[in-house]
Each structure stands twice: as C-alpha cells, then as structure tokens.
Amino acid sequence: MLAYPLGVIGPWQVVIIALVILLLFGGKKIPELMKGLGKGVKSFKEGMNEIEEQINQADETLKKDPKDDAPKQQ
C-alpha cells in the first residue's frame, strides 16, 4: 500500500473529485466551466507578462547613464 504525504492528492482522490464535479454540474456545464477557467488563466498570464515588461523597462531606465538624461549646458 502506498502512503501519500499529507496534502498530496493521489489518483483515487482525483477520480473521486472528478465524479463529484460531474454529478454537481452535469455534462453540459463542465465545458463552460473549463472555458471560464481557461480565460482566467490567459488573463493571469497576460497580467504577469505586462508586469514583467514594466519591471524590465524600469530596470533599463535605471541602467541608463545619468549623463545622457542631464540637460546640456552651453
């Protein structure tokens, strides 16, 4: 018998969870749920990419030579 550490979901638990979801929501509602979940994941990834881009822009701004941004004196 395999012993799973606390907090790890084994294969039988996944099967039971899937059956409970199927019984609660029915076969017609599951594709809608998955579509909504997919949209949520896509939105999250887009947000993470946007934040990463902003961090990279700020990093490049800080790496610039401060002499380039100073006004030229005549």
PDB file of N, CA and C in Angstrom:
ATOM      1  N   MET A   1       0.836  -1.185   0.000  1.00  0.00           N
ATOM      2  CA  MET A   1       0.000   0.000   0.000  1.00  0.00           C
ATOM      3  C   MET A   1       0.880   1.247   0.000  1.00  0.00           C
ATOM      4  N   LEU A   2       0.596   2.167  -0.915  1.00  0.00           N
ATOM      5  CA  LEU A   2       1.351   3.404  -0.986  1.00  0.00           C
ATOM      6  C   LEU A   2       0.838   4.387   0.050  1.00  0.00           C
ATOM      7  N   ALA A   3       1.743   5.043   0.709  1.00  0.00           N
ATOM      8  CA  ALA A   3       1.362   6.075   1.670  1.00  0.00           C
ATOM      9  C   ALA A   3       1.727   7.423   1.076  1.00  0.00           C
ATOM     10  N   TYR A   4       0.744   8.285   0.941  1.00  0.00           N
ATOM     11  CA  TYR A   4       0.977   9.629   0.409  1.00  0.00           C
ATOM     12  C   TYR A   4       1.150  10.604   1.566  1.00  0.00           C
ATOM     13  N   PRO A   5       2.096  11.506   1.441  1.00  0.00           N
ATOM     14  CA  PRO A   5       2.258  12.522   2.489  1.00  0.00           C
ATOM     15  C   PRO A   5       1.010  13.399   2.574  1.00  0.00           C
ATOM     16  N   LEU A   6       0.850  14.019   3.689  1.00  0.00           N
ATOM     17  CA  LEU A   6      -0.296  14.884   3.911  1.00  0.00           C
ATOM     18  C   LEU A   6      -0.311  16.016   2.878  1.00  0.00           C
ATOM     19  N   GLY A   7      -1.426  16.232   2.233  1.00  0.00           N
ATOM     20  CA  GLY A   7      -1.545  17.313   1.268  1.00  0.00           C
ATOM     21  C   GLY A   7      -1.329  16.899  -0.171  1.00  0.00           C
ATOM     22  N   VAL A   8      -0.914  15.675  -0.421  1.00  0.00           N
ATOM     23  CA  VAL A   8      -0.699  15.203  -1.780  1.00  0.00           C
ATOM     24  C   VAL A   8      -1.952  14.462  -2.238  1.00  0.00           C
ATOM     25  N   ILE A   9      -2.437  14.810  -3.414  1.00  0.00           N
ATOM     26  CA  ILE A   9      -3.635  14.177  -3.945  1.00  0.00           C
ATOM     27  C   ILE A   9      -3.213  12.985  -4.790  1.00  0.00           C
ATOM     28  N   GLY A  10      -3.723  11.823  -4.445  1.00  0.00           N
ATOM     29  CA  GLY A  10      -3.409  10.607  -5.175  1.00  0.00           C
ATOM     30  C   GLY A  10      -4.370  10.399  -6.336  1.00  0.00           C
ATOM     31  N   PRO A  11      -4.159   9.353  -7.122  1.00  0.00           N
ATOM     32  CA  PRO A  11      -5.002   9.119  -8.296  1.00  0.00           C
ATOM     33  C   PRO A  11      -6.471   8.839  -7.940  1.00  0.00           C
ATOM     34  N   TRP A  12      -6.710   8.139  -6.842  1.00  0.00           N
ATOM     35  CA  TRP A  12      -8.104   7.863  -6.483  1.00  0.00           C
ATOM     36  C   TRP A  12      -8.832   9.130  -6.040  1.00  0.00           C
ATOM     37  N   GLN A  13      -8.137  10.030  -5.387  1.00  0.00           N
ATOM     38  CA  GLN A  13      -8.757  11.283  -4.975  1.00  0.00           C
ATOM     39  C   GLN A  13      -9.139  12.121  -6.197  1.00  0.00           C
ATOM     40  N   VAL A  14      -8.305  12.093  -7.229  1.00  0.00           N
ATOM     41  CA  VAL A  14      -8.611  12.829  -8.458  1.00  0.00           C
ATOM     42  C   VAL A  14      -9.867  12.254  -9.110  1.00  0.00           C
ATOM     43  N   VAL A  15      -9.976  10.944  -9.141  1.00  0.00           N
ATOM     44  CA  VAL A  15     -11.150  10.297  -9.734  1.00  0.00           C
ATOM     45  C   VAL A  15     -12.406  10.673  -8.946  1.00  0.00           C
ATOM     46  N   ILE A  16     -12.322  10.633  -7.634  1.00  0.00           N
ATOM     47  CA  ILE A  16     -13.482  10.971  -6.801  1.00  0.00           C
ATOM     48  C   ILE A  16     -13.875  12.431  -6.992  1.00  0.00           C
ATOM     49  N   ILE A  17     -12.907  13.329  -7.034  1.00  0.00           N
ATOM     50  CA  ILE A  17     -13.197  14.749  -7.244  1.00  0.00           C
ATOM     51  C   ILE A  17     -13.854  14.960  -8.599  1.00  0.00           C
ATOM     52  N   ALA A  18     -13.357  14.302  -9.652  1.00  0.00           N
ATOM     53  CA  ALA A  18     -13.939  14.430 -10.991  1.00  0.00           C
ATOM     54  C   ALA A  18     -15.378  13.936 -11.009  1.00  0.00           C
ATOM     55  N   LEU A  19     -15.649  12.812 -10.326  1.00  0.00           N
ATOM     56  CA  LEU A  19     -17.020  12.291 -10.274  1.00  0.00           C
ATOM     57  C   LEU A  19     -17.956  13.242  -9.526  1.00  0.00           C
ATOM     58  N   VAL A  20     -17.490  13.808  -8.441  1.00  0.00           N
ATOM     59  CA  VAL A  20     -18.311  14.754  -7.683  1.00  0.00           C
ATOM     60  C   VAL A  20     -18.623  15.986  -8.528  1.00  0.00           C
ATOM     61  N   ILE A  21     -17.634  16.497  -9.250  1.00  0.00           N
ATOM     62  CA  ILE A  21     -17.862  17.663 -10.122  1.00  0.00           C
ATOM     63  C   ILE A  21     -18.858  17.307 -11.214  1.00  0.00           C
ATOM     64  N   LEU A  22     -18.725  16.139 -11.800  1.00  0.00           N
ATOM     65  CA  LEU A  22     -19.648  15.695 -12.844  1.00  0.00           C
ATOM     66  C   LEU A  22     -21.068  15.591 -12.296  1.00  0.00           C
ATOM     67  N   LEU A  23     -21.211  15.052 -11.100  1.00  0.00           N
ATOM     68  CA  LEU A  23     -22.539  14.930 -10.500  1.00  0.00           C
ATOM     69  C   LEU A  23     -23.140  16.291 -10.144  1.00  0.00           C
ATOM     70  N   LEU A  24     -22.317  17.199  -9.655  1.00  0.00           N
ATOM     71  CA  LEU A  24     -22.822  18.514  -9.242  1.00  0.00           C
ATOM     72  C   LEU A  24     -23.215  19.396 -10.430  1.00  0.00           C
ATOM     73  N   PHE A  25     -22.369  19.435 -11.441  1.00  0.00           N
ATOM     74  CA  PHE A  25     -22.585  20.380 -12.534  1.00  0.00           C
ATOM     75  C   PHE A  25     -23.190  19.753 -13.779  1.00  0.00           C
ATOM     76  N   GLY A  26     -23.078  18.475 -13.953  1.00  0.00           N
ATOM     77  CA  GLY A  26     -23.613  17.830 -15.142  1.00  0.00           C
ATOM     78  C   GLY A  26     -22.665  17.970 -16.322  1.00  0.00           C
ATOM     79  N   GLY A  27     -22.920  17.185 -17.353  1.00  0.00           N
ATOM     80  CA  GLY A  27     -22.049  17.154 -18.520  1.00  0.00           C
ATOM     81  C   GLY A  27     -22.089  18.415 -19.362  1.00  0.00           C
ATOM     82  N   LYS A  28     -23.220  19.120 -19.361  1.00  0.00           N
ATOM     83  CA  LYS A  28     -23.347  20.306 -20.213  1.00  0.00           C
ATOM     84  C   LYS A  28     -22.648  21.526 -19.618  1.00  0.00           C
ATOM     85  N   LYS A  29     -22.548  21.590 -18.326  1.00  0.00           N
ATOM     86  CA  LYS A  29     -21.988  22.773 -17.674  1.00  0.00           C
ATOM     87  C   LYS A  29     -20.459  22.736 -17.591  1.00  0.00           C
ATOM     88  N   ILE A  30     -19.873  21.555 -17.657  1.00  0.00           N
ATOM     89  CA  ILE A  30     -18.422  21.421 -17.495  1.00  0.00           C
ATOM     90  C   ILE A  30     -17.634  22.150 -18.588  1.00  0.00           C
ATOM     91  N   PRO A  31     -18.016  22.058 -19.886  1.00  0.00           N
ATOM     92  CA  PRO A  31     -17.255  22.820 -20.890  1.00  0.00           C
ATOM     93  C   PRO A  31     -17.287  24.329 -20.639  1.00  0.00           C
ATOM     94  N   GLU A  32     -18.406  24.835 -20.147  1.00  0.00           N
ATOM     95  CA  GLU A  32     -18.489  26.261 -19.830  1.00  0.00           C
ATOM     96  C   GLU A  32     -17.546  26.609 -18.675  1.00  0.00           C
ATOM     97  N   LEU A  33     -17.484  25.739 -17.686  1.00  0.00           N
ATOM     98  CA  LEU A  33     -16.579  25.967 -16.559  1.00  0.00           C
ATOM     99  C   LEU A  33     -15.124  25.962 -17.019  1.00  0.00           C
ATOM    100  N   MET A  34     -14.782  25.013 -17.883  1.00  0.00           N
ATOM    101  CA  MET A  34     -13.409  24.920 -18.375  1.00  0.00           C
ATOM    102  C   MET A  34     -13.048  26.130 -19.238  1.00  0.00           C
ATOM    103  N   LYS A  35     -14.012  26.608 -20.021  1.00  0.00           N
ATOM    104  CA  LYS A  35     -13.784  27.792 -20.849  1.00  0.00           C
ATOM    105  C   LYS A  35     -13.506  29.003 -19.960  1.00  0.00           C
ATOM    106  N   GLY A  36     -14.292  29.152 -18.910  1.00  0.00           N
ATOM    107  CA  GLY A  36     -14.074  30.255 -17.975  1.00  0.00           C
ATOM    108  C   GLY A  36     -12.739  30.139 -17.267  1.00  0.00           C
ATOM    109  N   LEU A  37     -12.372  28.928 -16.891  1.00  0.00           N
ATOM    110  CA  LEU A  37     -11.081  28.705 -16.251  1.00  0.00           C
ATOM    111  C   LEU A  37      -9.940  29.041 -17.203  1.00  0.00           C
ATOM    112  N   GLY A  38     -10.074  28.649 -18.468  1.00  0.00           N
ATOM    113  CA  GLY A  38      -9.054  28.962 -19.470  1.00  0.00           C
ATOM    114  C   GLY A  38      -8.897  30.456 -19.677  1.00  0.00           C
ATOM    115  N   LYS A  39     -10.011  31.171 -19.712  1.00  0.00           N
ATOM    116  CA  LYS A  39      -9.950  32.632 -19.857  1.00  0.00           C
ATOM    117  C   LYS A  39      -9.270  33.267 -18.654  1.00  0.00           C
ATOM    118  N   GLY A  40      -9.548  32.734 -17.474  1.00  0.00           N
ATOM    119  CA  GLY A  40      -8.915  33.258 -16.270  1.00  0.00           C
ATOM    120  C   GLY A  40      -7.411  33.051 -16.280  1.00  0.00           C
ATOM    121  N   VAL A  41      -6.972  31.875 -16.698  1.00  0.00           N
ATOM    122  CA  VAL A  41      -5.541  31.583 -16.770  1.00  0.00           C
ATOM    123  C   VAL A  41      -4.873  32.474 -17.811  1.00  0.00           C
ATOM    124  N   LYS A  42      -5.528  32.665 -18.949  1.00  0.00           N
ATOM    125  CA  LYS A  42      -4.978  33.519 -20.006  1.00  0.00           C
ATOM    126  C   LYS A  42      -4.836  34.961 -19.513  1.00  0.00           C
ATOM    127  N   SER A  43      -5.849  35.451 -18.824  1.00  0.00           N
ATOM    128  CA  SER A  43      -5.802  36.805 -18.285  1.00  0.00           C
ATOM    129  C   SER A  43      -4.685  36.944 -17.255  1.00  0.00           C
ATOM    130  N   PHE A  44      -4.516  35.939 -16.428  1.00  0.00           N
ATOM    131  CA  PHE A  44      -3.456  35.960 -15.427  1.00  0.00           C
ATOM    132  C   PHE A  44      -2.085  36.015 -16.098  1.00  0.00           C
ATOM    133  N   LYS A  45      -1.886  35.195 -17.134  1.00  0.00           N
ATOM    134  CA  LYS A  45      -0.604  35.181 -17.845  1.00  0.00           C
ATOM    135  C   LYS A  45      -0.333  36.528 -18.508  1.00  0.00           C
ATOM    136  N   GLU A  46      -1.359  37.131 -19.104  1.00  0.00           N
ATOM    137  CA  GLU A  46      -1.186  38.441 -19.735  1.00  0.00           C
ATOM    138  C   GLU A  46      -0.792  39.486 -18.698  1.00  0.00           C
ATOM    139  N   GLY A  47      -1.419  39.430 -17.537  1.00  0.00           N
ATOM    140  CA  GLY A  47      -1.073  40.356 -16.464  1.00  0.00           C
ATOM    141  C   GLY A  47       0.355  40.166 -15.991  1.00  0.00           C
ATOM    142  N   MET A  48       0.777  38.916 -15.860  1.00  0.00           N
ATOM    143  CA  MET A  48       2.149  38.643 -15.439  1.00  0.00           C
ATOM    144  C   MET A  48       3.152  39.140 -16.483  1.00  0.00           C
ATOM    145  N   ASN A  49       2.847  38.936 -17.769  1.00  0.00           N
ATOM    146  CA  ASN A  49       3.737  39.417 -18.828  1.00  0.00           C
ATOM    147  C   ASN A  49       3.821  40.939 -18.820  1.00  0.00           C
ATOM    148  N   GLU A  50       2.695  41.600 -18.568  1.00  0.00           N
ATOM    149  CA  GLU A  50       2.675  43.064 -18.522  1.00  0.00           C
ATOM    150  C   GLU A  50       3.527  43.572 -17.361  1.00  0.00           C
ATOM    151  N   ILE A  51       3.403  42.942 -16.205  1.00  0.00           N
ATOM    152  CA  ILE A  51       4.198  43.350 -15.046  1.00  0.00           C
ATOM    153  C   ILE A  51       5.684  43.110 -15.310  1.00  0.00           C
ATOM    154  N   GLU A  52       6.011  41.975 -15.920  1.00  0.00           N
ATOM    155  CA  GLU A  52       7.406  41.672 -16.230  1.00  0.00           C
ATOM    156  C   GLU A  52       7.975  42.711 -17.200  1.00  0.00           C
ATOM    157  N   GLU A  53       7.167  43.105 -18.178  1.00  0.00           N
ATOM    158  CA  GLU A  53       7.608  44.120 -19.141  1.00  0.00           C
ATOM    159  C   GLU A  53       7.861  45.456 -18.444  1.00  0.00           C
ATOM    160  N   GLN A  54       6.991  45.836 -17.520  1.00  0.00           N
ATOM    161  CA  GLN A  54       7.174  47.088 -16.786  1.00  0.00           C
ATOM    162  C   GLN A  54       8.431  47.044 -15.927  1.00  0.00           C
ATOM    163  N   ILE A  55       8.686  45.897 -15.323  1.00  0.00           N
ATOM    164  CA  ILE A  55       9.895  45.754 -14.499  1.00  0.00           C
ATOM    165  C   ILE A  55      11.133  45.866 -15.380  1.00  0.00           C
ATOM    166  N   ASN A  56      11.113  45.235 -16.548  1.00  0.00           N
ATOM    167  CA  ASN A  56      12.258  45.317 -17.459  1.00  0.00           C
ATOM    168  C   ASN A  56      12.482  46.742 -17.943  1.00  0.00           C
ATOM    169  N   GLN A  57      11.407  47.478 -18.226  1.00  0.00           N
ATOM    170  CA  GLN A  57      11.547  48.869 -18.656  1.00  0.00           C
ATOM    171  C   GLN A  57      12.139  49.721 -17.539  1.00  0.00           C
ATOM    172  N   ALA A  58      11.679  49.510 -16.314  1.00  0.00           N
ATOM    173  CA  ALA A  58      12.216  50.264 -15.184  1.00  0.00           C
ATOM    174  C   ALA A  58      13.684  49.925 -14.963  1.00  0.00           C
ATOM    175  N   ASP A  59      14.049  48.664 -15.127  1.00  0.00           N
ATOM    176  CA  ASP A  59      15.430  48.231 -14.959  1.00  0.00           C
ATOM    177  C   ASP A  59      16.324  48.890 -16.000  1.00  0.00           C
ATOM    178  N   GLU A  60      15.864  48.928 -17.250  1.00  0.00           N
ATOM    179  CA  GLU A  60      16.664  49.562 -18.295  1.00  0.00           C
ATOM    180  C   GLU A  60      16.792  51.065 -18.068  1.00  0.00           C
ATOM    181  N   THR A  61      15.741  51.678 -17.545  1.00  0.00           N
ATOM    182  CA  THR A  61      15.795  53.110 -17.249  1.00  0.00           C
ATOM    183  C   THR A  61      16.835  53.384 -16.170  1.00  0.00           C
ATOM    184  N   LEU A  62      16.912  52.523 -15.178  1.00  0.00           N
ATOM    185  CA  LEU A  62      17.883  52.702 -14.105  1.00  0.00           C
ATOM    186  C   LEU A  62      19.307  52.428 -14.574  1.00  0.00           C
ATOM    187  N   LYS A  63      19.464  51.554 -15.560  1.00  0.00           N
ATOM    188  CA  LYS A  63      20.791  51.220 -16.056  1.00  0.00           C
ATOM    189  C   LYS A  63      21.355  52.293 -16.990  1.00  0.00           C
ATOM    190  N   LYS A  64      20.474  53.171 -17.485  1.00  0.00           N
ATOM    191  CA  LYS A  64      20.936  54.224 -18.386  1.00  0.00           C
ATOM    192  C   LYS A  64      21.964  55.110 -17.683  1.00  0.00           C
ATOM    193  N   ASP A  65      22.851  55.665 -18.464  1.00  0.00           N
ATOM    194  CA  ASP A  65      23.844  56.584 -17.925  1.00  0.00           C
ATOM    195  C   ASP A  65      23.147  57.891 -17.558  1.00  0.00           C
ATOM    196  N   PRO A  66      23.255  58.341 -16.329  1.00  0.00           N
ATOM    197  CA  PRO A  66      22.565  59.572 -15.926  1.00  0.00           C
ATOM    198  C   PRO A  66      23.042  60.797 -16.697  1.00  0.00           C
ATOM    199  N   LYS A  67      24.227  60.738 -17.257  1.00  0.00           N
ATOM    200  CA  LYS A  67      24.740  61.876 -18.025  1.00  0.00           C
ATOM    201  C   LYS A  67      23.936  62.080 -19.302  1.00  0.00           C
ATOM    202  N   ASP A  68      23.334  61.015 -19.847  1.00  0.00           N
ATOM    203  CA  ASP A  68      22.558  61.130 -21.057  1.00  0.00           C
ATOM    204  C   ASP A  68      21.248  61.898 -20.823  1.00  0.00           C
ATOM    205  N   ASP A  69      20.707  61.813 -19.621  1.00  0.00           N
ATOM    206  CA  ASP A  69      19.443  62.459 -19.309  1.00  0.00           C
ATOM    207  C   ASP A  69      19.623  63.897 -18.838  1.00  0.00           C
ATOM    208  N   ALA A  70      20.839  64.271 -18.450  1.00  0.00           N
ATOM    209  CA  ALA A  70      21.080  65.623 -17.933  1.00  0.00           C
ATOM    210  C   ALA A  70      21.004  66.631 -19.083  1.00  0.00           C
ATOM    211  N   PRO A  71      20.433  67.812 -18.817  1.00  0.00           N
ATOM    212  CA  PRO A  71      20.376  68.847 -19.872  1.00  0.00           C
ATOM    213  C   PRO A  71      21.783  69.333 -20.214  1.00  0.00           C
ATOM    214  N   LYS A  72      21.984  69.588 -21.488  1.00  0.00           N
ATOM    215  CA  LYS A  72      23.293  70.049 -21.948  1.00  0.00           C
ATOM    216  C   LYS A  72      23.456  71.528 -21.611  1.00  0.00           C
ATOM    217  N   GLN A  73      24.619  71.868 -21.080  1.00  0.00           N
ATOM    218  CA  GLN A  73      24.894  73.268 -20.749  1.00  0.00           C
ATOM    219  C   GLN A  73      25.800  73.847 -21.820  1.00  0.00           C
ATOM    220  N   GLN A  74      25.540  75.091 -22.164  1.00  0.00           N
ATOM    221  CA  GLN A  74      26.331  75.741 -23.209  1.00  0.00           C
ATOM    222  C   GLN A  74      27.315  76.707 -22.637  1.00  0.00           C
TER     223      GLN A  74
END
